[in-house]
PDB file of N, CA and C in Angstrom:
ATOM      1  N   MET A   1      91.436 117.673 143.460  1.00  0.00           N
ATOM      2  CA  MET A   1      92.692 118.391 143.369  1.00  0.00           C
ATOM      3  C   MET A   1      92.421 119.750 142.745  1.00  0.00           C
ATOM      4  N   TRP A   2      92.940 120.785 143.360  1.00  0.00           N
ATOM      5  CA  TRP A   2      92.718 122.134 142.890  1.00  0.00           C
ATOM      6  C   TRP A   2      94.024 122.689 142.326  1.00  0.00           C
ATOM      7  N   LEU A   3      93.955 123.275 141.138  1.00  0.00           N
ATOM      8  CA  LEU A   3      95.113 123.921 140.515  1.00  0.00           C
ATOM      9  C   LEU A   3      94.760 125.383 140.279  1.00  0.00           C
ATOM     10  N   SER A   4      95.759 126.237 140.376  1.00  0.00           N
ATOM     11  CA  SER A   4      95.500 127.647 140.101  1.00  0.00           C
ATOM     12  C   SER A   4      95.124 127.805 138.626  1.00  0.00           C
ATOM     13  N   GLU A   5      94.304 128.792 138.345  1.00  0.00           N
ATOM     14  CA  GLU A   5      93.772 128.963 136.992  1.00  0.00           C
ATOM     15  C   GLU A   5      94.858 129.170 135.926  1.00  0.00           C
ATOM     16  N   PRO A   6      95.890 130.016 136.159  1.00  0.00           N
ATOM     17  CA  PRO A   6      96.908 130.168 135.120  1.00  0.00           C
ATOM     18  C   PRO A   6      97.633 128.850 134.801  1.00  0.00           C
ATOM     19  N   PHE A   7      97.905 128.077 135.838  1.00  0.00           N
ATOM     20  CA  PHE A   7      98.572 126.789 135.609  1.00  0.00           C
ATOM     21  C   PHE A   7      97.631 125.825 134.884  1.00  0.00           C
ATOM     22  N   TYR A   8      96.371 125.781 135.317  1.00  0.00           N
ATOM     23  CA  TYR A   8      95.385 124.897 134.710  1.00  0.00           C
ATOM     24  C   TYR A   8      95.184 125.224 133.231  1.00  0.00           C
ATOM     25  N   GLU A   9      95.110 126.501 132.911  1.00  0.00           N
ATOM     26  CA  GLU A   9      94.887 126.902 131.521  1.00  0.00           C
ATOM     27  C   GLU A   9      96.088 126.613 130.627  1.00  0.00           C
ATOM     28  N   SER A  10      97.288 126.621 131.188  1.00  0.00           N
ATOM     29  CA  SER A  10      98.483 126.397 130.371  1.00  0.00           C
ATOM     30  C   SER A  10      98.948 124.946 130.382  1.00  0.00           C
ATOM     31  N   LEU A  11      98.232 124.059 131.078  1.00  0.00           N
ATOM     32  CA  LEU A  11      98.634 122.665 131.183  1.00  0.00           C
ATOM     33  C   LEU A  11      98.789 121.960 129.835  1.00  0.00           C
ATOM     34  N   PRO A  12      97.888 122.128 128.863  1.00  0.00           N
ATOM     35  CA  PRO A  12      98.105 121.466 127.568  1.00  0.00           C
ATOM     36  C   PRO A  12      99.396 121.917 126.891  1.00  0.00           C
ATOM     37  N   TYR A  13      99.742 123.188 127.057  1.00  0.00           N
ATOM     38  CA  TYR A  13     100.964 123.687 126.432  1.00  0.00           C
ATOM     39  C   TYR A  13     102.208 123.136 127.124  1.00  0.00           C
ATOM     40  N   TYR A  14     102.129 122.909 128.440  1.00  0.00           N
ATOM     41  CA  TYR A  14     103.234 122.257 129.149  1.00  0.00           C
ATOM     42  C   TYR A  14     103.427 120.832 128.649  1.00  0.00           C
ATOM     43  N   TYR A  15     102.326 120.121 128.464  1.00  0.00           N
ATOM     44  CA  TYR A  15     102.421 118.752 127.951  1.00  0.00           C
ATOM     45  C   TYR A  15     103.033 118.737 126.551  1.00  0.00           C
ATOM     46  N   ILE A  16     102.602 119.642 125.701  1.00  0.00           N
ATOM     47  CA  ILE A  16     103.137 119.685 124.341  1.00  0.00           C
ATOM     48  C   ILE A  16     104.609 120.074 124.349  1.00  0.00           C
ATOM     49  N   ALA A  17     104.990 121.020 125.202  1.00  0.00           N
ATOM     50  CA  ALA A  17     106.401 121.407 125.312  1.00  0.00           C
ATOM     51  C   ALA A  17     107.238 120.247 125.831  1.00  0.00           C
ATOM     52  N   LEU A  18     106.718 119.529 126.829  1.00  0.00           N
ATOM     53  CA  LEU A  18     107.428 118.359 127.342  1.00  0.00           C
ATOM     54  C   LEU A  18     107.602 117.316 126.246  1.00  0.00           C
ATOM     55  N   GLY A  19     106.568 117.105 125.451  1.00  0.00           N
ATOM     56  CA  GLY A  19     106.660 116.157 124.346  1.00  0.00           C
ATOM     57  C   GLY A  19     107.692 116.574 123.317  1.00  0.00           C
ATOM     58  N   PHE A  20     107.745 117.868 123.017  1.00  0.00           N
ATOM     59  CA  PHE A  20     108.719 118.352 122.046  1.00  0.00           C
ATOM     60  C   PHE A  20     110.147 118.197 122.582  1.00  0.00           C
ATOM     61  N   VAL A  21     110.359 118.583 123.841  1.00  0.00           N
ATOM     62  CA  VAL A  21     111.702 118.505 124.436  1.00  0.00           C
ATOM     63  C   VAL A  21     112.173 117.054 124.538  1.00  0.00           C
ATOM     64  N   THR A  22     111.301 116.166 125.004  1.00  0.00           N
ATOM     65  CA  THR A  22     111.710 114.766 125.107  1.00  0.00           C
ATOM     66  C   THR A  22     111.872 114.123 123.726  1.00  0.00           C
ATOM     67  N   GLY A  23     111.104 114.599 122.746  1.00  0.00           N
ATOM     68  CA  GLY A  23     111.290 114.098 121.386  1.00  0.00           C
ATOM     69  C   GLY A  23     112.652 114.477 120.832  1.00  0.00           C
ATOM     70  N   VAL A  24     113.049 115.715 121.056  1.00  0.00           N
ATOM     71  CA  VAL A  24     114.385 116.145 120.627  1.00  0.00           C
ATOM     72  C   VAL A  24     115.449 115.369 121.395  1.00  0.00           C
ATOM     73  N   GLY A  25     115.202 115.164 122.697  1.00  0.00           N
ATOM     74  CA  GLY A  25     116.150 114.396 123.508  1.00  0.00           C
ATOM     75  C   GLY A  25     116.281 112.965 123.024  1.00  0.00           C
ATOM     76  N   SER A  26     115.193 112.361 122.616  1.00  0.00           N
ATOM     77  CA  SER A  26     115.268 110.978 122.133  1.00  0.00           C
ATOM     78  C   SER A  26     116.008 110.908 120.803  1.00  0.00           C
ATOM     79  N   TYR A  27     115.919 111.950 120.029  1.00  0.00           N
ATOM     80  CA  TYR A  27     116.637 111.992 118.751  1.00  0.00           C
ATOM     81  C   TYR A  27     118.141 112.174 118.969  1.00  0.00           C
ATOM     82  N   ARG A  28     118.484 113.002 119.955  1.00  0.00           N
ATOM     83  CA  ARG A  28     119.895 113.334 120.196  1.00  0.00           C
ATOM     84  C   ARG A  28     120.609 112.307 121.073  1.00  0.00           C
ATOM     85  N   LEU A  29     119.888 111.589 121.918  1.00  0.00           N
ATOM     86  CA  LEU A  29     120.482 110.685 122.886  1.00  0.00           C
ATOM     87  C   LEU A  29     120.546 109.277 122.318  1.00  0.00           C
ATOM     88  N   ASP A  30     121.697 108.651 122.464  1.00  0.00           N
ATOM     89  CA  ASP A  30     121.859 107.290 121.953  1.00  0.00           C
ATOM     90  C   ASP A  30     122.539 106.428 123.011  1.00  0.00           C
ATOM     91  N   ILE A  31     121.884 106.343 124.171  1.00  0.00           N
ATOM     92  CA  ILE A  31     122.422 105.562 125.276  1.00  0.00           C
ATOM     93  C   ILE A  31     121.414 104.489 125.646  1.00  0.00           C
ATOM     94  N   TRP A  32     121.786 103.236 125.535  1.00  0.00           N
ATOM     95  CA  TRP A  32     121.000 102.081 125.929  1.00  0.00           C
ATOM     96  C   TRP A  32     119.584 102.204 125.395  1.00  0.00           C
ATOM     97  N   TYR A  33     118.563 102.143 126.233  1.00  0.00           N
ATOM     98  CA  TYR A  33     117.180 102.247 125.787  1.00  0.00           C
ATOM     99  C   TYR A  33     116.567 103.614 126.039  1.00  0.00           C
ATOM    100  N   TRP A  34     117.372 104.575 126.437  1.00  0.00           N
ATOM    101  CA  TRP A  34     116.839 105.893 126.770  1.00  0.00           C
ATOM    102  C   TRP A  34     116.189 106.571 125.573  1.00  0.00           C
ATOM    103  N   SER A  35     116.693 106.311 124.411  1.00  0.00           N
ATOM    104  CA  SER A  35     116.104 106.914 123.218  1.00  0.00           C
ATOM    105  C   SER A  35     114.660 106.442 123.035  1.00  0.00           C
ATOM    106  N   GLU A  36     114.437 105.132 123.204  1.00  0.00           N
ATOM    107  CA  GLU A  36     113.084 104.588 123.055  1.00  0.00           C
ATOM    108  C   GLU A  36     112.165 105.050 124.186  1.00  0.00           C
ATOM    109  N   ILE A  37     112.689 105.103 125.402  1.00  0.00           N
ATOM    110  CA  ILE A  37     111.893 105.549 126.543  1.00  0.00           C
ATOM    111  C   ILE A  37     111.466 107.000 126.342  1.00  0.00           C
ATOM    112  N   LEU A  38     112.414 107.853 125.941  1.00  0.00           N
ATOM    113  CA  LEU A  38     112.076 109.257 125.714  1.00  0.00           C
ATOM    114  C   LEU A  38     111.105 109.427 124.549  1.00  0.00           C
ATOM    115  N   ALA A  39     111.219 108.589 123.543  1.00  0.00           N
ATOM    116  CA  ALA A  39     110.289 108.660 122.418  1.00  0.00           C
ATOM    117  C   ALA A  39     108.871 108.314 122.871  1.00  0.00           C
ATOM    118  N   LEU A  40     108.732 107.318 123.742  1.00  0.00           N
ATOM    119  CA  LEU A  40     107.407 106.967 124.264  1.00  0.00           C
ATOM    120  C   LEU A  40     106.846 108.080 125.137  1.00  0.00           C
ATOM    121  N   VAL A  41     107.692 108.677 125.974  1.00  0.00           N
ATOM    122  CA  VAL A  41     107.245 109.799 126.808  1.00  0.00           C
ATOM    123  C   VAL A  41     106.837 110.975 125.921  1.00  0.00           C
ATOM    124  N   ALA A  42     107.602 111.218 124.870  1.00  0.00           N
ATOM    125  CA  ALA A  42     107.287 112.319 123.951  1.00  0.00           C
ATOM    126  C   ALA A  42     105.939 112.087 123.274  1.00  0.00           C
ATOM    127  N   ALA A  43     105.723 110.889 122.786  1.00  0.00           N
ATOM    128  CA  ALA A  43     104.459 110.589 122.112  1.00  0.00           C
ATOM    129  C   ALA A  43     103.283 110.708 123.083  1.00  0.00           C
ATOM    130  N   ALA A  44     103.444 110.162 124.287  1.00  0.00           N
ATOM    131  CA  ALA A  44     102.359 110.232 125.278  1.00  0.00           C
ATOM    132  C   ALA A  44     102.072 111.673 125.680  1.00  0.00           C
ATOM    133  N   SER A  45     103.111 112.476 125.849  1.00  0.00           N
ATOM    134  CA  SER A  45     102.919 113.872 126.247  1.00  0.00           C
ATOM    135  C   SER A  45     102.242 114.676 125.141  1.00  0.00           C
ATOM    136  N   LEU A  46     102.665 114.465 123.907  1.00  0.00           N
ATOM    137  CA  LEU A  46     102.041 115.178 122.790  1.00  0.00           C
ATOM    138  C   LEU A  46     100.570 114.794 122.640  1.00  0.00           C
ATOM    139  N   VAL A  47     100.279 113.511 122.745  1.00  0.00           N
ATOM    140  CA  VAL A  47      98.884 113.060 122.629  1.00  0.00           C
ATOM    141  C   VAL A  47      98.053 113.612 123.782  1.00  0.00           C
ATOM    142  N   ALA A  48      98.588 113.553 125.005  1.00  0.00           N
ATOM    143  CA  ALA A  48      97.849 114.065 126.167  1.00  0.00           C
ATOM    144  C   ALA A  48      97.588 115.559 126.029  1.00  0.00           C
ATOM    145  N   GLY A  49      98.577 116.319 125.587  1.00  0.00           N
ATOM    146  CA  GLY A  49      98.398 117.751 125.403  1.00  0.00           C
ATOM    147  C   GLY A  49      97.358 118.070 124.348  1.00  0.00           C
ATOM    148  N   LEU A  50      97.413 117.365 123.231  1.00  0.00           N
ATOM    149  CA  LEU A  50      96.447 117.609 122.162  1.00  0.00           C
ATOM    150  C   LEU A  50      95.035 117.196 122.564  1.00  0.00           C
ATOM    151  N   VAL A  51      94.899 116.058 123.238  1.00  0.00           N
ATOM    152  CA  VAL A  51      93.577 115.610 123.679  1.00  0.00           C
ATOM    153  C   VAL A  51      92.990 116.605 124.668  1.00  0.00           C
ATOM    154  N   LEU A  52      93.794 117.036 125.618  1.00  0.00           N
ATOM    155  CA  LEU A  52      93.319 117.991 126.617  1.00  0.00           C
ATOM    156  C   LEU A  52      92.908 119.309 125.967  1.00  0.00           C
ATOM    157  N   TRP A  53      93.711 119.792 125.039  1.00  0.00           N
ATOM    158  CA  TRP A  53      93.408 121.046 124.355  1.00  0.00           C
ATOM    159  C   TRP A  53      92.108 120.922 123.529  1.00  0.00           C
ATOM    160  N   LEU A  54      91.969 119.813 122.791  1.00  0.00           N
ATOM    161  CA  LEU A  54      90.779 119.626 121.962  1.00  0.00           C
ATOM    162  C   LEU A  54      89.520 119.440 122.800  1.00  0.00           C
ATOM    163  N   LYS A  55      89.610 118.693 123.894  1.00  0.00           N
ATOM    164  CA  LYS A  55      88.438 118.503 124.756  1.00  0.00           C
ATOM    165  C   LYS A  55      87.997 119.823 125.379  1.00  0.00           C
ATOM    166  N   ARG A  56      88.934 120.638 125.815  1.00  0.00           N
ATOM    167  CA  ARG A  56      88.582 121.940 126.381  1.00  0.00           C
ATOM    168  C   ARG A  56      87.961 122.840 125.321  1.00  0.00           C
ATOM    169  N   ARG A  57      88.522 122.818 124.125  1.00  0.00           N
ATOM    170  CA  ARG A  57      87.982 123.648 123.041  1.00  0.00           C
ATOM    171  C   ARG A  57      86.550 123.238 122.706  1.00  0.00           C
ATOM    172  N   ASP A  58      86.314 121.935 122.612  1.00  0.00           N
ATOM    173  CA  ASP A  58      84.967 121.463 122.298  1.00  0.00           C
ATOM    174  C   ASP A  58      83.986 121.794 123.412  1.00  0.00           C
ATOM    175  N   TYR A  59      84.412 121.642 124.661  1.00  0.00           N
ATOM    176  CA  TYR A  59      83.525 121.960 125.781  1.00  0.00           C
ATOM    177  C   TYR A  59      83.172 123.440 125.785  1.00  0.00           C
ATOM    178  N   ARG A  60      84.161 124.287 125.574  1.00  0.00           N
ATOM    179  CA  ARG A  60      83.896 125.734 125.569  1.00  0.00           C
ATOM    180  C   ARG A  60      83.016 126.129 124.398  1.00  0.00           C
ATOM    181  N   ARG A  61      83.208 125.468 123.275  1.00  0.00           N
ATOM    182  CA  ARG A  61      82.366 125.751 122.109  1.00  0.00           C
ATOM    183  C   ARG A  61      80.928 125.340 122.362  1.00  0.00           C
ATOM    184  N   SER A  62      80.731 124.180 122.985  1.00  0.00           N
ATOM    185  CA  SER A  62      79.372 123.728 123.267  1.00  0.00           C
ATOM    186  C   SER A  62      78.718 124.613 124.323  1.00  0.00           C
ATOM    187  N   ARG A  63      79.486 125.077 125.296  1.00  0.00           N
ATOM    188  CA  ARG A  63      78.936 125.980 126.313  1.00  0.00           C
ATOM    189  C   ARG A  63      78.515 127.306 125.691  1.00  0.00           C
ATOM    190  N   SER A  64      79.289 127.816 124.747  1.00  0.00           N
ATOM    191  CA  SER A  64      78.915 129.085 124.122  1.00  0.00           C
ATOM    192  C   SER A  64      77.664 128.906 123.263  1.00  0.00           C
ATOM    193  N   ARG A  65      77.526 127.742 122.620  1.00  0.00           N
ATOM    194  CA  ARG A  65      76.321 127.473 121.846  1.00  0.00           C
ATOM    195  C   ARG A  65      75.099 127.385 122.750  1.00  0.00           C
ATOM    196  N   LEU A  66      75.247 126.748 123.899  1.00  0.00           N
ATOM    197  CA  LEU A  66      74.134 126.655 124.843  1.00  0.00           C
ATOM    198  C   LEU A  66      73.746 128.031 125.354  1.00  0.00           C
ATOM    199  N   ASP A  67      74.749 128.880 125.611  1.00  0.00           N
ATOM    200  CA  ASP A  67      74.461 130.238 126.063  1.00  0.00           C
ATOM    201  C   ASP A  67      73.724 131.027 124.988  1.00  0.00           C
ATOM    202  N   LEU A  68      74.120 130.858 123.724  1.00  0.00           N
ATOM    203  CA  LEU A  68      73.432 131.548 122.636  1.00  0.00           C
ATOM    204  C   LEU A  68      72.005 131.061 122.484  1.00  0.00           C
ATOM    205  N   ASN A  69      71.782 129.751 122.629  1.00  0.00           N
ATOM    206  CA  ASN A  69      70.429 129.204 122.538  1.00  0.00           C
ATOM    207  C   ASN A  69      69.560 129.690 123.678  1.00  0.00           C
ATOM    208  N   ALA A  70      70.113 129.822 124.856  1.00  0.00           N
ATOM    209  CA  ALA A  70      69.357 130.313 126.007  1.00  0.00           C
ATOM    210  C   ALA A  70      68.950 131.764 125.790  1.00  0.00           C
ATOM    211  N   ASP A  71      69.835 132.558 125.177  1.00  0.00           N
ATOM    212  CA  ASP A  71      69.512 133.962 124.898  1.00  0.00           C
ATOM    213  C   ASP A  71      68.416 134.078 123.846  1.00  0.00           C
ATOM    214  N   ASP A  72      68.426 133.175 122.855  1.00  0.00           N
ATOM    215  CA  ASP A  72      67.409 133.210 121.807  1.00  0.00           C
ATOM    216  C   ASP A  72      66.025 132.865 122.355  1.00  0.00           C
ATOM    217  N   GLN A  73      65.958 131.971 123.327  1.00  0.00           N
ATOM    218  CA  GLN A  73      64.689 131.541 123.875  1.00  0.00           C
ATOM    219  C   GLN A  73      64.088 132.545 124.842  1.00  0.00           C
ATOM    220  N   ALA A  74      64.916 133.407 125.375  1.00  0.00           N
ATOM    221  CA  ALA A  74      64.430 134.381 126.381  1.00  0.00           C
ATOM    222  C   ALA A  74      63.691 135.531 125.752  1.00  0.00           C
TER     223      ALA A  74
END
């Protein structure tokens, strides 16, 4: 699956925003089980956004370290 670069780069922030919005919705909504469902969606979205952001950060950090090591050896 191919995603455009601007969308791909902002995906963790979309997940975090979705988690925040659904979290507020679960707090404000008191109909049947919707509050619990939205709370689960909020938690999953926040965790997914944070995991994606941290994994990308670590990968980019390791790539920059490898590039620096390659320059030192040359």
